[in-house]
Amino acid sequence: MRREGVFSGIWSSAQKTAYSVGPSIVGFTLSISGFVNASVQPESVEIGVRIVFCLFTAVMILLSLLPFYKYDLTEERFEEIKLMIQQNK
């Protein structure tokens, strides 16, 4: 059974969710760090920008790798699966 469509749909949904939630996270971080609608920002805004664009991004990338932790498909395992499929036909 081929599942490329399911994978593509899940990927697309995750992207749309990230695109909708991301700006809210950035806005919230800027607001709690003291962002003001002026030409000169307080020092705390610089820290907030660094947190949201460096630390938060790094944590999200690391979390995105968790599903692959138990991914054990090696070339040998892939060949075994193909052989099993051929035998079941």
N, C-alpha and C. Protein backbone atom coordinates (compact mmCIF):
# COMPACT_ATOMS: atom_id res chain seq x y z
N MET A 1 0.84 -1.17 0.00
CA MET A 1 0.00 0.00 0.00
C MET A 1 0.89 1.25 0.00
N ARG A 2 0.59 2.14 -0.89
CA ARG A 2 1.39 3.37 -0.99
C ARG A 2 0.70 4.48 -0.21
N ARG A 3 1.50 5.25 0.49
CA ARG A 3 0.93 6.27 1.38
C ARG A 3 1.52 7.66 1.15
N GLU A 4 1.96 7.93 -0.06
CA GLU A 4 2.57 9.22 -0.33
C GLU A 4 1.57 10.36 -0.13
N GLY A 5 0.31 10.13 -0.49
CA GLY A 5 -0.71 11.16 -0.34
C GLY A 5 -0.96 11.51 1.12
N VAL A 6 -0.95 10.49 1.98
CA VAL A 6 -1.16 10.73 3.41
C VAL A 6 0.01 11.55 3.96
N PHE A 7 1.23 11.17 3.60
CA PHE A 7 2.41 11.90 4.06
C PHE A 7 2.35 13.35 3.58
N SER A 8 2.00 13.54 2.31
CA SER A 8 1.92 14.88 1.75
C SER A 8 0.86 15.72 2.47
N GLY A 9 -0.28 15.11 2.77
CA GLY A 9 -1.34 15.83 3.47
C GLY A 9 -0.94 16.22 4.88
N ILE A 10 -0.29 15.31 5.59
CA ILE A 10 0.17 15.62 6.95
C ILE A 10 1.21 16.73 6.92
N TRP A 11 2.12 16.64 5.97
CA TRP A 11 3.16 17.67 5.85
C TRP A 11 2.53 19.03 5.57
N SER A 12 1.59 19.06 4.65
CA SER A 12 0.92 20.31 4.29
C SER A 12 0.15 20.89 5.48
N SER A 13 -0.53 20.04 6.22
CA SER A 13 -1.26 20.51 7.40
C SER A 13 -0.33 21.07 8.47
N ALA A 14 0.80 20.40 8.66
CA ALA A 14 1.77 20.88 9.65
C ALA A 14 2.34 22.23 9.24
N GLN A 15 2.62 22.39 7.95
CA GLN A 15 3.12 23.69 7.48
C GLN A 15 2.09 24.79 7.68
N LYS A 16 0.84 24.53 7.34
CA LYS A 16 -0.20 25.54 7.50
C LYS A 16 -0.40 25.90 8.97
N THR A 17 -0.30 24.91 9.84
CA THR A 17 -0.42 25.18 11.27
C THR A 17 0.74 26.05 11.74
N ALA A 18 1.95 25.72 11.30
CA ALA A 18 3.12 26.51 11.69
C ALA A 18 3.02 27.94 11.16
N TYR A 19 2.54 28.10 9.93
CA TYR A 19 2.40 29.44 9.35
C TYR A 19 1.35 30.27 10.08
N SER A 20 0.36 29.61 10.66
CA SER A 20 -0.68 30.37 11.36
C SER A 20 -0.31 30.64 12.82
N VAL A 21 0.42 29.74 13.44
CA VAL A 21 0.77 29.89 14.85
C VAL A 21 2.07 30.70 15.02
N GLY A 22 2.97 30.59 14.08
CA GLY A 22 4.28 31.26 14.17
C GLY A 22 4.21 32.76 14.42
N PRO A 23 3.47 33.51 13.60
CA PRO A 23 3.40 34.95 13.84
C PRO A 23 2.82 35.31 15.21
N SER A 24 1.89 34.51 15.70
CA SER A 24 1.34 34.77 17.03
C SER A 24 2.40 34.59 18.11
N ILE A 25 3.23 33.59 17.95
CA ILE A 25 4.31 33.35 18.92
C ILE A 25 5.31 34.50 18.89
N VAL A 26 5.66 34.95 17.68
CA VAL A 26 6.58 36.08 17.56
C VAL A 26 5.98 37.33 18.18
N GLY A 27 4.72 37.62 17.87
CA GLY A 27 4.05 38.79 18.42
C GLY A 27 3.95 38.74 19.93
N PHE A 28 3.61 37.58 20.47
CA PHE A 28 3.52 37.42 21.93
C PHE A 28 4.88 37.64 22.58
N THR A 29 5.92 37.06 21.99
CA THR A 29 7.27 37.22 22.54
C THR A 29 7.71 38.68 22.51
N LEU A 30 7.43 39.36 21.41
CA LEU A 30 7.79 40.78 21.34
C LEU A 30 7.01 41.61 22.35
N SER A 31 5.73 41.28 22.54
CA SER A 31 4.94 42.06 23.48
C SER A 31 5.41 41.87 24.93
N ILE A 32 5.76 40.63 25.30
CA ILE A 32 6.22 40.45 26.69
C ILE A 32 7.65 40.93 26.89
N SER A 33 8.38 41.13 25.79
CA SER A 33 9.74 41.65 25.93
C SER A 33 9.78 43.17 25.93
N GLY A 34 8.62 43.82 25.78
CA GLY A 34 8.57 45.27 25.91
C GLY A 34 8.57 46.05 24.61
N PHE A 35 8.19 45.43 23.51
CA PHE A 35 8.14 46.12 22.22
C PHE A 35 7.18 47.30 22.29
N VAL A 36 7.63 48.43 21.78
CA VAL A 36 6.78 49.62 21.69
C VAL A 36 6.80 50.12 20.25
N ASN A 37 5.73 50.77 19.87
CA ASN A 37 5.62 51.29 18.51
C ASN A 37 6.36 52.63 18.42
N ALA A 38 7.66 52.54 18.43
CA ALA A 38 8.50 53.74 18.37
C ALA A 38 9.77 53.38 17.60
N SER A 39 10.54 54.40 17.30
CA SER A 39 11.75 54.15 16.50
C SER A 39 12.88 53.52 17.33
N VAL A 40 12.91 53.77 18.61
CA VAL A 40 13.95 53.21 19.47
C VAL A 40 13.30 52.21 20.42
N GLN A 41 13.84 51.00 20.41
CA GLN A 41 13.28 49.93 21.24
C GLN A 41 14.12 49.75 22.50
N PRO A 42 13.48 49.28 23.56
CA PRO A 42 14.25 48.99 24.77
C PRO A 42 15.19 47.80 24.55
N GLU A 43 16.17 47.68 25.40
CA GLU A 43 17.15 46.59 25.31
C GLU A 43 16.49 45.22 25.42
N SER A 44 15.42 45.13 26.17
CA SER A 44 14.74 43.85 26.37
C SER A 44 14.17 43.28 25.07
N VAL A 45 13.85 44.14 24.11
CA VAL A 45 13.32 43.66 22.84
C VAL A 45 14.38 42.88 22.08
N GLU A 46 15.62 43.32 22.16
CA GLU A 46 16.71 42.60 21.49
C GLU A 46 16.82 41.17 22.05
N ILE A 47 16.69 41.04 23.35
CA ILE A 47 16.73 39.72 23.97
C ILE A 47 15.53 38.88 23.51
N GLY A 48 14.36 39.50 23.45
CA GLY A 48 13.18 38.79 22.99
C GLY A 48 13.31 38.30 21.56
N VAL A 49 13.88 39.12 20.70
CA VAL A 49 14.10 38.73 19.30
C VAL A 49 15.08 37.57 19.23
N ARG A 50 16.13 37.64 20.00
CA ARG A 50 17.10 36.53 20.01
C ARG A 50 16.48 35.24 20.51
N ILE A 51 15.64 35.34 21.52
CA ILE A 51 14.99 34.14 22.04
C ILE A 51 14.08 33.51 21.00
N VAL A 52 13.23 34.33 20.37
CA VAL A 52 12.23 33.77 19.46
C VAL A 52 12.86 33.28 18.16
N PHE A 53 13.88 33.95 17.66
CA PHE A 53 14.46 33.57 16.38
C PHE A 53 15.64 32.61 16.49
N CYS A 54 16.22 32.49 17.67
CA CYS A 54 17.36 31.56 17.84
C CYS A 54 16.97 30.38 18.72
N LEU A 55 16.67 30.65 19.97
CA LEU A 55 16.41 29.58 20.93
C LEU A 55 15.13 28.81 20.59
N PHE A 56 14.03 29.52 20.37
CA PHE A 56 12.77 28.87 20.06
C PHE A 56 12.87 28.06 18.76
N THR A 57 13.51 28.63 17.75
CA THR A 57 13.67 27.93 16.48
C THR A 57 14.50 26.66 16.66
N ALA A 58 15.56 26.73 17.41
CA ALA A 58 16.40 25.55 17.64
C ALA A 58 15.62 24.46 18.38
N VAL A 59 14.83 24.84 19.37
CA VAL A 59 14.03 23.87 20.11
C VAL A 59 13.00 23.21 19.19
N MET A 60 12.35 23.99 18.34
CA MET A 60 11.36 23.42 17.42
C MET A 60 12.00 22.46 16.41
N ILE A 61 13.17 22.79 15.95
CA ILE A 61 13.87 21.89 15.02
C ILE A 61 14.23 20.58 15.72
N LEU A 62 14.71 20.67 16.95
CA LEU A 62 15.03 19.45 17.70
C LEU A 62 13.78 18.62 17.96
N LEU A 63 12.68 19.26 18.29
CA LEU A 63 11.42 18.53 18.50
C LEU A 63 10.92 17.87 17.22
N SER A 64 11.19 18.49 16.09
CA SER A 64 10.74 17.90 14.83
C SER A 64 11.51 16.63 14.49
N LEU A 65 12.66 16.42 15.11
CA LEU A 65 13.44 15.21 14.87
C LEU A 65 12.98 14.02 15.71
N LEU A 66 12.17 14.25 16.73
CA LEU A 66 11.73 13.17 17.60
C LEU A 66 11.01 12.04 16.87
N PRO A 67 10.14 12.31 15.90
CA PRO A 67 9.48 11.18 15.22
C PRO A 67 10.46 10.25 14.51
N PHE A 68 11.63 10.73 14.16
CA PHE A 68 12.60 9.91 13.45
C PHE A 68 13.50 9.11 14.38
N TYR A 69 13.34 9.28 15.67
CA TYR A 69 14.18 8.58 16.63
C TYR A 69 14.06 7.07 16.49
N LYS A 70 12.86 6.59 16.31
CA LYS A 70 12.63 5.14 16.21
C LYS A 70 12.56 4.67 14.77
N TYR A 71 12.90 5.51 13.82
CA TYR A 71 12.86 5.14 12.41
C TYR A 71 14.02 4.20 12.13
N ASP A 72 13.69 2.95 11.83
CA ASP A 72 14.73 1.94 11.68
C ASP A 72 14.79 1.33 10.29
N LEU A 73 14.36 2.05 9.30
CA LEU A 73 14.35 1.51 7.95
C LEU A 73 15.74 1.63 7.33
N THR A 74 16.44 0.51 7.33
CA THR A 74 17.74 0.45 6.68
C THR A 74 17.55 -0.15 5.30
N GLU A 75 18.60 -0.17 4.51
CA GLU A 75 18.49 -0.75 3.17
C GLU A 75 18.16 -2.24 3.25
N GLU A 76 18.74 -2.94 4.22
CA GLU A 76 18.46 -4.36 4.38
C GLU A 76 17.00 -4.59 4.76
N ARG A 77 16.50 -3.79 5.69
CA ARG A 77 15.10 -3.91 6.11
C ARG A 77 14.16 -3.59 4.95
N PHE A 78 14.50 -2.62 4.14
CA PHE A 78 13.70 -2.26 2.98
C PHE A 78 13.62 -3.42 1.99
N GLU A 79 14.73 -4.09 1.78
CA GLU A 79 14.74 -5.25 0.88
C GLU A 79 13.89 -6.39 1.44
N GLU A 80 13.93 -6.59 2.76
CA GLU A 80 13.09 -7.61 3.38
C GLU A 80 11.61 -7.30 3.17
N ILE A 81 11.24 -6.05 3.33
CA ILE A 81 9.85 -5.63 3.15
C ILE A 81 9.41 -5.85 1.71
N LYS A 82 10.26 -5.49 0.75
CA LYS A 82 9.92 -5.70 -0.65
C LYS A 82 9.75 -7.19 -0.95
N LEU A 83 10.59 -8.02 -0.37
CA LEU A 83 10.49 -9.47 -0.57
C LEU A 83 9.17 -10.00 0.03
N MET A 84 8.81 -9.53 1.21
CA MET A 84 7.55 -9.94 1.82
C MET A 84 6.36 -9.53 0.96
N ILE A 85 6.40 -8.34 0.38
CA ILE A 85 5.32 -7.87 -0.48
C ILE A 85 5.21 -8.76 -1.71
N GLN A 86 6.34 -9.11 -2.30
CA GLN A 86 6.32 -9.97 -3.47
C GLN A 86 5.77 -11.35 -3.14
N GLN A 87 6.07 -11.87 -1.97
CA GLN A 87 5.59 -13.20 -1.57
C GLN A 87 4.09 -13.20 -1.30
N ASN A 88 3.54 -12.06 -0.85
CA ASN A 88 2.11 -11.98 -0.54
C ASN A 88 1.25 -11.77 -1.78
N LYS A 89 1.84 -11.45 -2.90
CA LYS A 89 1.04 -11.21 -4.13
C LYS A 89 0.56 -12.47 -4.73
